[in-house]
Amino acid sequence: MMNPPLEICVLAAGKGTRMKTMIPKMLQPIAGTPMIAHVVSTARALKSVKTHLIVSEDHAALKAAIEDQGDLNWVVQKEQLGTGHAVQQAAPFFMADSAVLVLLGDVPLLQPETLQALLEDPADVAVLTVHLPNPAGYGRIQRDAAGCVIGIVEDKDTSPAERAITEINSGIFKIGQGLLPDLLAQLTNHNEQGEYYLTDIVSIAVARGLNVASITTDQVEAVSGVNDLVQLAAAERFFQRRQAQQLMRAGVRMLDPARVDIRGAVTFGRDVVLDVNTVLEGPCHIGDGVVVEAGSVIKNSEVGDNCLIKSHSSLEGASLAQDCQVGPYARLRPGAVLGAGVAIGNFVEVKQTTMGPGSKASHLSYLGDATIGSRVNIGAGTITCNYDGVNKWQTILEDEVFVGSNTALVAPITVGRGATIGAGSTITGAIPDAALGVARGRQRNIEDWPRPEKVLDAPGLVKKVKQPKAGD
């Protein structure tokens, strides 16, 4: 017998007041991705024919955060009248022959494999449950003497005996082919909160003689909701731990997986090594044999094979070919493109600059809006003066240029192939191929120069400094 088509309802209209932040709860990030996007990703992995996102009227930010691939139906819940009322808003859109899976927008760690048994269960109504040593705050699963599920009672409506039940409702349901609209129509709000509870469909189904089943999972973290910043931090740690285990099994070496954070889409080659306190934010690709030393941050970058990112370096929007070396304490900003074998040393900043193969800037330099050829040497203290207060200008250093230390390159400027720039120069004009460019004041020595003298008012106390007279 063929399975019926699957539709998914995601409850995402909650205001998240317990977060106590200005960011909507569904947009709070887990590993750099909004919670709601994690849930939509899981829904898509289940290959549902349609995913209904039940949202509040003010949902523009949520809509902007999710790529709509034509499979999303945005359903507005104008009044917050309970979980049952939320799903009722989507009921008119259900196909007559579909089964429906209900997910929660604030349960972002759920993966398709956790749901597999629930989806395969033939029951008319199936609920995913979990046992908690402290079930406070969760709806309890009610069973009859034979152990069959007969209902779910919300925490606020429990009796003292029901509060002792440790099996709780995860909030995740699968309702069989074509059954959900009729069950929703029978909901009432006769409870302490005056709300329409989705959980009441269980007792309604039992009363109608439908088959109700529970699927119990031991993956407590995966089905845990996120309602405040404490739970958000716990969810982040669980996600990072699970992700680290998957990557290490795939061949990525982490010296301490508890101190590596990977956010967004990051792909890895073979034999990658990540030291402690490294952060990678996608989209990124890290090639074969790359070593990222302690304290480094890589965002939206591509790092080629066998590169070495030394400690405490920052890469954002950068592209590195193979065999590059960066750092320690280097910064590559957006538009930094390094050819094969480029070396960027300590306290060097590169922005909107292309460096050809074999070039190097080893210390204390700023390279912005520049095109640098192959085998160029940038001396310590070199800066490109690329901004005049209004416009950015280009610096061009052709192949095999040697730039002496403490040089200022005032753009726009072109330095020809094989040219040399003397240390301490401020270069404002073009230098032809193979020429020496020197632009600095001529040294003048004054003999017997009287140095400034300290005059003491009291022992150890400086009263004034005697300066040489003009003309001395």
Protein backbone atom coordinates (compact mmCIF):
# COMPACT_ATOMS: atom_id res chain seq x y z
CA MET A 1 0.00 0.00 0.00
CA MET A 2 1.40 3.39 -0.97
CA ASN A 3 1.91 5.98 1.72
CA PRO A 4 -0.32 9.05 1.48
CA PRO A 5 1.25 12.38 0.55
CA LEU A 6 2.77 14.20 3.54
CA GLU A 7 2.08 17.80 4.51
CA ILE A 8 3.87 19.50 7.38
CA CYS A 9 2.56 22.18 9.72
CA VAL A 10 5.13 24.24 11.61
CA LEU A 11 3.87 26.26 14.57
CA ALA A 12 5.88 29.49 14.44
CA ALA A 13 3.58 32.24 15.66
CA GLY A 14 4.84 32.43 19.25
CA LYS A 15 6.05 35.83 20.45
CA GLY A 16 8.88 34.44 22.55
CA THR A 17 8.46 36.91 25.41
CA ARG A 18 10.64 34.76 27.68
CA MET A 19 13.60 35.50 25.42
CA LYS A 20 13.47 39.12 26.61
CA THR A 21 15.18 40.34 23.45
CA MET A 22 14.12 42.44 20.48
CA ILE A 23 14.91 39.59 18.08
CA PRO A 24 11.87 37.36 17.38
CA LYS A 25 12.26 33.91 18.91
CA MET A 26 12.10 32.10 15.57
CA LEU A 27 15.02 34.19 14.32
CA GLN A 28 17.30 33.42 17.25
CA PRO A 29 20.33 31.65 15.75
CA ILE A 30 21.56 28.12 16.28
CA ALA A 31 25.01 27.72 14.68
CA GLY A 32 24.48 30.96 12.79
CA THR A 33 21.14 29.92 11.25
CA PRO A 34 17.71 31.06 12.49
CA MET A 35 15.80 28.42 14.45
CA ILE A 36 12.92 28.45 11.99
CA ALA A 37 15.32 27.75 9.10
CA HIS A 38 16.55 24.60 10.87
CA VAL A 39 12.98 23.35 11.14
CA VAL A 40 12.23 24.16 7.50
CA SER A 41 15.40 22.30 6.50
CA THR A 42 14.18 19.21 8.37
CA ALA A 43 10.76 19.52 6.73
CA ARG A 44 12.35 19.65 3.30
CA ALA A 45 14.50 16.61 4.06
CA LEU A 46 11.25 14.70 4.70
CA LYS A 47 10.09 15.55 1.16
CA SER A 48 6.68 16.87 2.15
CA VAL A 49 4.45 18.07 -0.67
CA LYS A 50 3.79 21.32 1.20
CA THR A 51 5.01 22.94 4.40
CA HIS A 52 2.57 25.29 6.13
CA LEU A 53 4.28 27.89 8.32
CA ILE A 54 1.82 29.25 10.86
CA VAL A 55 3.05 32.72 11.78
CA SER A 56 1.89 35.92 13.42
CA GLU A 57 0.80 38.95 11.39
CA ASP A 58 4.22 40.52 11.90
CA HIS A 59 6.24 37.87 10.06
CA ALA A 60 8.10 39.84 7.41
CA ALA A 61 11.47 39.19 9.08
CA LEU A 62 10.80 35.44 9.13
CA LYS A 63 9.88 35.47 5.48
CA ALA A 64 13.09 37.29 4.62
CA ALA A 65 15.16 34.74 6.56
CA ILE A 66 13.98 31.66 4.63
CA GLU A 67 14.49 30.88 0.99
CA ASP A 68 11.09 30.02 -0.43
CA GLN A 69 11.47 27.20 -2.95
CA GLY A 70 7.78 27.18 -3.80
CA ASP A 71 7.04 24.63 -1.08
CA LEU A 72 6.03 27.02 1.70
CA ASN A 73 2.55 28.22 2.56
CA TRP A 74 2.58 31.19 4.94
CA VAL A 75 -0.50 31.01 7.16
CA VAL A 76 -1.28 33.93 9.47
CA GLN A 77 -2.69 33.31 12.95
CA LYS A 78 -4.18 36.71 13.79
CA GLU A 79 -5.10 35.82 17.38
CA GLN A 80 -3.02 33.68 19.73
CA LEU A 81 -5.72 31.24 20.87
CA GLY A 82 -3.64 28.11 21.34
CA THR A 83 -1.85 25.42 19.37
CA GLY A 84 -5.09 23.84 18.14
CA HIS A 85 -6.31 27.19 16.89
CA ALA A 86 -2.99 27.68 15.09
CA VAL A 87 -3.32 24.43 13.14
CA GLN A 88 -6.97 25.23 12.40
CA GLN A 89 -5.76 28.21 10.36
CA ALA A 90 -3.89 25.84 8.04
CA ALA A 91 -6.67 23.23 7.80
CA PRO A 92 -8.40 24.82 4.77
CA PHE A 93 -5.19 24.34 2.79
CA PHE A 94 -4.77 20.59 3.48
CA MET A 95 -5.28 18.14 0.66
CA ALA A 96 -8.09 15.67 1.31
CA ASP A 97 -5.84 12.60 1.05
CA SER A 98 -2.74 13.78 2.91
CA ALA A 99 -1.23 12.82 6.24
CA VAL A 100 -0.05 15.75 8.35
CA LEU A 101 3.06 16.06 10.50
CA VAL A 102 3.00 18.85 13.10
CA LEU A 103 6.37 20.35 14.06
CA LEU A 104 7.29 23.21 16.38
CA GLY A 105 9.30 26.19 15.20
CA ASP A 106 11.13 26.41 18.52
CA VAL A 107 12.38 22.80 18.40
CA PRO A 108 15.30 23.38 16.00
CA LEU A 109 17.48 20.33 16.73
CA LEU A 110 15.12 17.69 15.38
CA GLN A 111 16.53 15.58 12.55
CA PRO A 112 14.68 13.42 10.02
CA GLU A 113 15.93 10.13 11.51
CA THR A 114 14.32 10.99 14.87
CA LEU A 115 10.98 11.22 13.07
CA GLN A 116 11.29 8.09 10.98
CA ALA A 117 9.51 5.72 13.36
CA LEU A 118 6.74 8.25 13.91
CA LEU A 119 6.16 8.64 10.18
CA GLU A 120 6.17 4.89 9.58
CA ASP A 121 3.68 4.12 12.35
CA PRO A 122 0.29 3.14 10.83
CA ALA A 123 -1.77 4.63 13.69
CA ASP A 124 -4.45 7.22 12.93
CA VAL A 125 -2.81 9.57 15.42
CA ALA A 126 0.76 9.15 16.62
CA VAL A 127 2.57 11.35 19.12
CA LEU A 128 6.30 11.56 19.78
CA THR A 129 7.00 11.29 23.52
CA VAL A 130 10.05 11.39 25.79
CA HIS A 131 10.69 10.63 29.46
CA LEU A 132 12.06 13.47 31.58
CA PRO A 133 13.23 13.24 35.19
CA ASN A 134 11.76 16.72 35.69
CA PRO A 135 8.69 17.04 33.46
CA ALA A 136 7.50 20.39 34.88
CA GLY A 137 6.12 22.66 32.17
CA TYR A 138 5.29 19.87 29.72
CA GLY A 139 2.04 18.12 28.88
CA ARG A 140 1.81 14.60 30.37
CA ILE A 141 0.86 11.45 28.48
CA GLN A 142 -2.22 9.75 29.96
CA ARG A 143 -2.57 5.98 29.62
CA ASP A 144 -5.27 3.49 30.61
CA ALA A 145 -4.73 0.33 32.65
CA ALA A 146 -3.63 -1.53 29.52
CA GLY A 147 -0.98 1.09 28.80
CA CYS A 148 -2.75 2.61 25.81
CA VAL A 149 -2.57 6.36 25.23
CA ILE A 150 -5.91 7.97 26.01
CA GLY A 151 -5.02 11.65 26.24
CA ILE A 152 -2.58 14.44 26.99
CA VAL A 153 -3.04 16.87 29.85
CA GLU A 154 -1.28 20.23 29.78
CA ASP A 155 0.98 21.04 32.70
CA LYS A 156 -1.21 23.88 33.96
CA ASP A 157 -4.23 21.59 34.03
CA THR A 158 -2.64 18.60 35.76
CA SER A 159 -3.78 17.04 39.03
CA PRO A 160 -1.16 16.17 41.69
CA ALA A 161 -1.15 12.56 40.46
CA GLU A 162 -0.70 13.61 36.84
CA ARG A 163 2.23 15.86 37.73
CA ALA A 164 4.15 12.75 38.78
CA ILE A 165 3.98 11.35 35.23
CA THR A 166 7.43 11.59 33.58
CA GLU A 167 6.38 10.76 30.01
CA ILE A 168 5.77 14.04 28.25
CA ASN A 169 4.40 15.23 24.94
CA SER A 170 7.08 16.60 22.60
CA GLY A 171 4.43 18.56 20.69
CA ILE A 172 5.16 16.57 17.53
CA PHE A 173 2.26 14.65 15.97
CA LYS A 174 1.50 12.66 12.85
CA ILE A 175 -2.14 12.46 11.87
CA GLY A 176 -3.26 9.93 9.29
CA GLN A 177 -4.70 10.44 5.85
CA GLY A 178 -7.46 13.07 5.74
CA LEU A 179 -8.23 12.88 9.47
CA LEU A 180 -6.90 16.14 10.90
CA PRO A 181 -9.52 18.70 9.74
CA ASP A 182 -12.36 16.78 11.38
CA LEU A 183 -10.43 16.32 14.64
CA LEU A 184 -9.61 20.04 14.71
CA ALA A 185 -13.25 20.94 14.23
CA GLN A 186 -14.13 19.20 17.51
CA LEU A 187 -11.67 21.14 19.67
CA THR A 188 -13.03 23.30 22.48
CA ASN A 189 -11.42 25.83 24.78
CA HIS A 190 -12.94 24.46 28.01
CA ASN A 191 -9.77 24.65 30.07
CA GLU A 192 -8.05 26.91 32.55
CA GLN A 193 -6.28 28.87 29.81
CA GLY A 194 -9.31 29.27 27.56
CA GLU A 195 -7.26 28.00 24.62
CA TYR A 196 -7.75 25.42 21.88
CA TYR A 197 -5.14 22.73 22.60
CA LEU A 198 -3.88 20.62 19.74
CA THR A 199 -3.18 17.90 22.31
CA ASP A 200 -6.93 17.38 22.74
CA ILE A 201 -7.07 15.63 19.35
CA VAL A 202 -5.70 12.55 21.15
CA SER A 203 -8.69 12.15 23.50
CA ILE A 204 -11.06 13.06 20.66
CA ALA A 205 -9.51 10.35 18.47
CA VAL A 206 -9.78 7.79 21.27
CA ALA A 207 -13.45 8.69 21.79
CA ARG A 208 -14.09 8.12 18.09
CA GLY A 209 -12.46 4.71 18.19
CA LEU A 210 -9.43 5.73 16.15
CA ASN A 211 -6.07 4.07 16.69
CA VAL A 212 -3.71 6.24 18.79
CA ALA A 213 -0.06 5.37 19.29
CA SER A 214 2.99 6.86 20.98
CA ILE A 215 6.55 6.71 19.71
CA THR A 216 9.07 7.24 22.51
CA THR A 217 12.51 8.64 21.75
CA ASP A 218 15.55 8.84 24.00
CA GLN A 219 16.90 11.88 22.13
CA VAL A 220 15.89 14.39 24.76
CA GLU A 221 18.00 17.27 23.42
CA ALA A 222 16.73 16.77 19.88
CA VAL A 223 13.11 17.30 20.91
CA SER A 224 13.75 20.02 23.49
CA GLY A 225 12.15 23.40 22.94
CA VAL A 226 13.96 26.73 23.11
CA ASN A 227 12.06 29.33 25.10
CA ASP A 228 14.74 31.47 26.74
CA LEU A 229 18.40 32.36 26.30
CA VAL A 230 19.51 29.65 28.71
CA GLN A 231 17.84 27.00 26.55
CA LEU A 232 19.20 28.70 23.43
CA ALA A 233 22.76 28.36 24.73
CA ALA A 234 22.16 24.70 25.62
CA ALA A 235 20.78 24.05 22.13
CA GLU A 236 23.83 25.70 20.56
CA ARG A 237 26.20 23.47 22.54
CA PHE A 238 24.26 20.33 21.64
CA PHE A 239 24.22 21.26 17.96
CA GLN A 240 27.96 22.01 17.94
CA ARG A 241 28.74 18.76 19.78
CA ARG A 242 26.66 16.70 17.35
CA GLN A 243 28.12 18.50 14.34
CA ALA A 244 31.69 18.06 15.60
CA GLN A 245 31.17 14.33 16.00
CA GLN A 246 29.87 14.05 12.44
CA LEU A 247 32.82 16.00 11.05
CA MET A 248 35.42 14.06 13.01
CA ARG A 249 33.94 10.80 11.76
CA ALA A 250 34.28 12.27 8.26
CA GLY A 251 37.99 12.96 8.79
CA VAL A 252 38.22 16.51 10.23
CA ARG A 253 40.59 16.56 13.20
CA MET A 254 39.58 18.82 16.09
CA LEU A 255 42.10 19.11 18.89
CA ASP A 256 39.25 19.89 21.29
CA PRO A 257 35.79 19.62 19.69
CA ALA A 258 34.22 21.42 22.64
CA ARG A 259 36.16 24.54 21.63
CA VAL A 260 35.39 24.66 17.92
CA ASP A 261 32.30 26.44 16.54
CA ILE A 262 31.07 25.89 13.00
CA ARG A 263 28.15 28.03 11.86
CA GLY A 264 26.33 27.81 8.57
CA ALA A 265 27.40 25.84 5.49
CA VAL A 266 31.07 24.87 5.83
CA THR A 267 32.63 22.08 3.77
CA PHE A 268 35.96 20.39 4.41
CA GLY A 269 38.54 18.48 2.43
CA ARG A 270 40.67 15.68 3.88
CA ASP A 271 43.16 15.95 6.74
CA VAL A 272 41.97 19.32 8.00
CA VAL A 273 43.13 20.26 11.52
CA LEU A 274 41.22 22.73 13.69
CA ASP A 275 42.90 23.94 16.86
CA VAL A 276 41.07 25.27 19.92
CA ASN A 277 38.84 28.34 19.91
CA THR A 278 38.49 28.42 16.14
CA VAL A 279 35.27 29.71 14.59
CA LEU A 280 34.16 29.02 11.01
CA GLU A 281 31.10 30.75 9.60
CA GLY A 282 29.72 29.67 6.25
CA PRO A 283 29.54 29.68 3.43
CA CYS A 284 33.12 28.42 3.56
CA HIS A 285 35.22 25.73 1.97
CA ILE A 286 38.36 24.47 3.70
CA GLY A 287 40.61 22.46 1.39
CA ASP A 288 42.72 19.35 1.94
CA GLY A 289 45.49 19.53 4.52
CA VAL A 290 44.54 22.95 5.89
CA VAL A 291 45.66 23.73 9.44
CA VAL A 292 43.78 26.42 11.38
CA GLU A 293 45.61 27.40 14.54
CA ALA A 294 44.13 28.52 17.85
CA GLY A 295 41.87 31.55 18.06
CA SER A 296 41.37 32.06 14.33
CA VAL A 297 38.06 33.11 12.76
CA ILE A 298 37.16 32.30 9.14
CA LYS A 299 33.97 33.70 7.59
CA ASN A 300 32.59 33.43 4.08
CA SER A 301 35.96 32.37 2.68
CA GLU A 302 37.62 29.73 0.55
CA VAL A 303 40.89 28.30 1.83
CA GLY A 304 42.89 26.24 -0.64
CA ASP A 305 44.76 22.99 -0.08
CA ASN A 306 47.65 22.90 2.39
CA CYS A 307 47.20 26.43 3.67
CA LEU A 308 48.34 27.34 7.17
CA ILE A 309 46.22 29.83 9.10
CA LYS A 310 48.33 30.80 12.07
CA SER A 311 46.90 31.72 15.44
CA HIS A 312 44.48 34.58 16.02
CA SER A 313 44.01 35.44 12.37
CA SER A 314 40.74 36.75 10.91
CA LEU A 315 39.54 35.92 7.38
CA GLU A 316 36.31 37.32 6.00
CA GLY A 317 35.28 37.19 2.37
CA ALA A 318 38.75 35.99 1.36
CA SER A 319 39.90 33.51 -1.27
CA LEU A 320 43.17 31.64 -0.83
CA ALA A 321 44.81 29.38 -3.40
CA GLN A 322 46.92 26.43 -2.27
CA ASP A 323 49.98 26.61 0.01
CA CYS A 324 49.28 30.05 1.47
CA GLN A 325 50.36 31.09 4.95
CA VAL A 326 48.47 33.70 6.95
CA GLY A 327 49.28 35.15 10.35
CA PRO A 328 49.65 35.08 13.24
CA TYR A 329 47.42 38.06 13.99
CA ALA A 330 46.65 38.83 10.36
CA ARG A 331 43.41 40.15 8.93
CA LEU A 332 42.04 39.38 5.49
CA ARG A 333 38.99 41.48 4.70
CA PRO A 334 36.44 41.06 1.89
CA GLY A 335 38.01 40.96 -1.55
CA ALA A 336 41.37 39.60 -0.42
CA VAL A 337 42.47 37.12 -3.10
CA LEU A 338 45.76 35.30 -2.53
CA GLY A 339 47.53 33.30 -5.21
CA ALA A 340 49.43 30.08 -4.59
CA GLY A 341 52.14 30.28 -1.98
CA VAL A 342 51.36 33.82 -0.79
CA ALA A 343 52.59 34.64 2.73
CA ILE A 344 50.79 37.18 4.91
CA GLY A 345 52.52 37.77 8.22
CA ASN A 346 51.73 39.19 11.62
CA PHE A 347 49.68 42.39 11.85
CA VAL A 348 49.12 42.62 8.10
CA GLU A 349 45.71 43.72 6.82
CA VAL A 350 44.57 43.01 3.26
CA LYS A 351 41.37 44.36 1.70
CA GLN A 352 40.08 44.31 -1.90
CA THR A 353 43.52 43.23 -3.03
CA THR A 354 44.76 40.49 -5.33
CA MET A 355 48.22 39.07 -4.66
CA GLY A 356 49.93 36.90 -7.26
CA PRO A 357 51.68 33.60 -6.58
CA GLY A 358 54.70 33.72 -4.31
CA SER A 359 54.20 37.28 -3.09
CA LYS A 360 54.58 38.12 0.57
CA ALA A 361 53.88 40.82 3.11
CA SER A 362 55.49 39.60 6.28
CA HIS A 363 54.93 42.31 8.89
CA LEU A 364 52.90 45.34 9.92
CA SER A 365 51.38 46.45 6.61
CA TYR A 366 48.08 47.58 5.13
CA LEU A 367 47.23 46.63 1.53
CA GLY A 368 43.94 47.98 0.25
CA ASP A 369 42.49 48.30 -3.27
CA ALA A 370 45.64 46.93 -4.85
CA THR A 371 46.64 44.55 -7.61
CA ILE A 372 49.92 42.89 -6.71
CA GLY A 373 51.75 40.64 -9.12
CA SER A 374 53.81 37.50 -8.57
CA ARG A 375 56.89 37.25 -6.33
CA VAL A 376 56.42 40.74 -4.91
CA ASN A 377 58.02 41.53 -1.56
CA ILE A 378 56.23 44.03 0.69
CA GLY A 379 58.50 45.41 3.40
CA ALA A 380 57.43 45.98 7.00
CA GLY A 381 55.39 49.09 7.64
CA THR A 382 54.19 49.49 4.03
CA ILE A 383 50.77 51.02 3.46
CA THR A 384 48.68 51.75 0.41
CA CYS A 385 47.16 55.21 0.71
CA ASN A 386 44.03 54.22 -1.21
CA TYR A 387 41.39 56.66 0.09
CA ASP A 388 41.33 60.42 -0.46
CA GLY A 389 38.30 61.01 1.73
CA VAL A 390 35.85 60.54 -1.14
CA ASN A 391 37.12 57.92 -3.58
CA LYS A 392 39.11 54.69 -3.42
CA TRP A 393 42.10 54.44 -5.77
CA GLN A 394 44.10 51.52 -7.13
CA THR A 395 47.71 50.62 -6.44
CA ILE A 396 49.34 48.33 -9.02
CA LEU A 397 52.57 46.52 -8.23
CA GLU A 398 53.71 44.41 -11.15
CA ASP A 399 55.66 41.14 -10.89
CA GLU A 400 58.86 40.96 -8.83
CA VAL A 401 58.58 44.43 -7.29
CA PHE A 402 60.55 44.92 -4.07
CA VAL A 403 59.03 47.43 -1.65
CA GLY A 404 61.33 48.62 1.12
CA SER A 405 60.15 48.99 4.71
CA ASN A 406 58.10 51.96 5.89
CA THR A 407 56.87 52.90 2.43
CA ALA A 408 53.68 54.83 1.66
CA LEU A 409 52.19 54.14 -1.77
CA VAL A 410 49.87 57.03 -2.65
CA ALA A 411 47.28 55.76 -5.11
CA PRO A 412 46.57 55.84 -7.98
CA ILE A 413 50.00 54.50 -8.80
CA THR A 414 51.70 51.85 -10.90
CA VAL A 415 55.07 50.33 -10.08
CA GLY A 416 56.61 48.47 -13.02
CA ARG A 417 57.93 44.95 -13.17
CA GLY A 418 61.11 44.33 -11.23
CA ALA A 419 61.20 47.85 -9.75
CA THR A 420 62.62 48.56 -6.29
CA ILE A 421 61.38 51.12 -3.79
CA GLY A 422 63.79 52.44 -1.21
CA ALA A 423 62.85 52.14 2.44
CA GLY A 424 61.08 55.11 3.98
CA SER A 425 59.75 56.43 0.67
CA THR A 426 56.45 58.13 -0.04
CA ILE A 427 55.74 57.20 -3.65
CA THR A 428 53.31 59.45 -5.50
CA GLY A 429 54.22 58.75 -9.12
CA ALA A 430 54.76 55.81 -11.44
CA ILE A 431 58.01 53.85 -11.35
CA PRO A 432 59.11 52.19 -14.60
CA ASP A 433 60.22 48.59 -14.95
CA ALA A 434 63.48 47.66 -13.16
CA ALA A 435 63.96 51.20 -11.78
CA LEU A 436 64.75 52.30 -8.23
CA GLY A 437 62.23 54.69 -6.73
CA VAL A 438 63.31 56.75 -3.72
CA ALA A 439 61.21 59.57 -2.31
CA ARG A 440 62.44 60.78 1.07
CA GLY A 441 64.09 63.83 2.55
CA ARG A 442 67.89 63.96 2.35
CA GLN A 443 69.55 63.13 5.67
CA ARG A 444 71.29 66.05 7.40
CA ASN A 445 73.54 65.56 10.42
CA ILE A 446 74.08 68.38 12.97
CA GLU A 447 77.15 67.84 15.08
CA ASP A 448 77.28 68.62 18.83
CA TRP A 449 73.51 68.83 19.05
CA PRO A 450 72.50 69.88 22.59
CA ARG A 451 69.99 67.33 23.82
CA PRO A 452 67.03 68.47 25.97
CA GLU A 453 67.85 68.43 29.69
CA LYS A 454 65.65 67.50 32.64
CA VAL A 455 65.67 70.08 35.45
CA LEU A 456 64.74 68.66 38.86
CA ASP A 457 62.69 70.76 41.26
CA ALA A 458 63.12 68.21 44.03
CA PRO A 459 64.72 64.78 44.15
CA GLY A 460 62.97 62.65 41.53
CA LEU A 461 60.53 65.43 40.56
CA VAL A 462 60.70 67.03 37.08
CA LYS A 463 59.91 70.71 37.12
CA LYS A 464 60.51 71.54 33.47
CA VAL A 465 62.36 70.47 30.39
CA LYS A 466 64.96 72.82 29.02
CA GLN A 467 64.74 72.92 25.22
CA PRO A 468 67.58 74.01 22.94
CA LYS A 469 67.26 77.56 21.69
CA ALA A 470 66.32 78.25 18.12
CA GLY A 471 69.42 78.20 15.99
CA ASP A 472 71.35 76.05 18.40
